[in-house]
Protein backbone atom coordinates (compact mmCIF):
# COMPACT_ATOMS: atom_id res chain seq x y z
CA UNK A 1 83.13 40.83 23.80
CA UNK A 2 84.77 37.45 23.57
CA UNK A 3 84.03 35.20 20.58
CA UNK A 4 82.53 32.53 22.85
CA UNK A 5 80.02 34.96 24.37
CA UNK A 6 79.24 36.42 20.93
CA UNK A 7 78.58 32.94 19.52
CA UNK A 8 76.34 32.09 22.49
CA UNK A 9 74.43 35.35 22.05
CA UNK A 10 73.90 34.63 18.34
CA UNK A 11 72.67 31.09 19.07
CA UNK A 12 70.35 32.36 21.80
CA UNK A 13 68.94 35.05 19.51
CA UNK A 14 68.42 32.50 16.73
CA UNK A 15 66.70 30.06 19.08
CA UNK A 16 64.33 32.62 20.61
CA UNK A 17 63.89 34.80 17.53
CA UNK A 18 60.63 35.20 15.70
CA UNK A 19 59.79 33.02 12.76
CA UNK A 20 60.07 34.49 9.32
CA UNK A 21 56.86 35.89 7.86
CA UNK A 22 55.78 33.70 4.98
CA UNK A 23 53.27 35.02 2.46
CA UNK A 24 52.65 31.53 1.16
CA UNK A 25 51.91 30.18 4.64
CA UNK A 26 49.51 33.01 5.44
CA UNK A 27 47.74 32.62 2.07
CA UNK A 28 47.44 28.87 2.65
CA UNK A 29 45.89 29.39 6.08
CA UNK A 30 43.57 32.04 4.62
CA UNK A 31 42.43 29.63 1.91
CA UNK A 32 41.92 26.84 4.45
CA UNK A 33 39.64 29.06 6.48
CA UNK A 34 37.07 28.79 3.67
CA UNK A 35 37.00 24.98 3.77
CA UNK A 36 34.10 23.53 5.74
CA UNK A 37 34.91 21.82 8.97
CA UNK A 38 34.89 18.02 8.99
CA UNK A 39 31.64 17.92 10.94
CA UNK A 40 29.99 20.47 8.62
CA UNK A 41 30.58 18.51 5.43
CA UNK A 42 27.64 16.70 3.92
CA UNK A 43 28.01 12.92 3.86
CA UNK A 44 28.66 11.46 0.43
CA UNK A 45 27.19 8.03 1.21
CA UNK A 46 23.71 9.18 2.26
CA UNK A 47 20.91 10.90 0.36
CA UNK A 48 19.41 14.17 1.48
CA UNK A 49 16.15 13.97 3.39
CA UNK A 50 13.07 15.01 1.47
CA UNK A 51 11.50 18.30 2.59
CA UNK A 52 8.30 18.14 4.63
CA UNK A 53 6.26 20.88 2.97
CA UNK A 54 3.16 20.19 5.06
CA UNK A 55 5.00 20.84 8.30
CA UNK A 56 6.63 23.97 6.85
CA UNK A 57 3.27 25.40 5.75
CA UNK A 58 1.67 24.54 9.11
CA UNK A 59 4.49 26.24 11.03
CA UNK A 60 4.36 29.31 8.77
CA UNK A 61 0.59 29.51 9.21
CA UNK A 62 0.94 29.46 13.00
CA UNK A 63 3.59 32.16 12.84
CA UNK A 64 1.45 34.39 10.62
CA UNK A 65 -1.61 33.82 12.84
CA UNK A 66 0.32 35.18 15.83
CA UNK A 67 2.53 37.76 14.12
CA UNK A 68 -0.04 39.99 12.43
CA UNK A 69 -2.42 40.43 15.40
CA UNK A 70 0.50 41.14 17.73
CA UNK A 71 2.07 43.58 15.27
CA UNK A 72 -1.29 45.31 14.75
CA UNK A 73 -1.77 45.60 18.52
CA UNK A 74 1.72 46.94 19.19
CA UNK A 75 1.74 49.39 16.30
CA UNK A 76 -1.95 50.29 16.23
CA UNK A 77 -2.82 50.89 19.88
CA UNK A 78 -2.13 54.67 19.72
CA UNK A 79 -4.60 55.09 16.85
CA UNK A 80 -7.20 52.95 18.62
CA UNK A 81 -6.71 54.91 21.86
CA UNK A 82 -7.05 58.22 20.01
CA UNK A 83 -10.30 57.18 18.34
CA UNK A 84 -11.71 55.64 21.51
CA UNK A 85 -10.76 58.41 23.92
CA UNK A 86 -10.95 61.46 21.65
CA UNK A 87 -12.93 64.10 23.49
CA UNK A 88 -13.79 61.79 26.40
CA UNK A 89 -10.80 62.46 28.67
CA UNK A 90 -11.25 65.26 31.23
């Protein structure tokens, strides 16, 4: 192989070769993945909004008022059917 072709092959391999693996670069990117995104950061200039406990209690009360009857119906219908139809099905 001629020296000109060898030099061109080395330059081509260097230009298209893979980048070196850097432990520091991968650790830096790993550490940056834990930082919150710009839009997720809390603003420093403003105060946090006060919690609305009345609305939270009202919403929880509505959820409980629906959840327990529905859960009792879904889980308890076999027992109710057994007691209601026991001995009455021909």
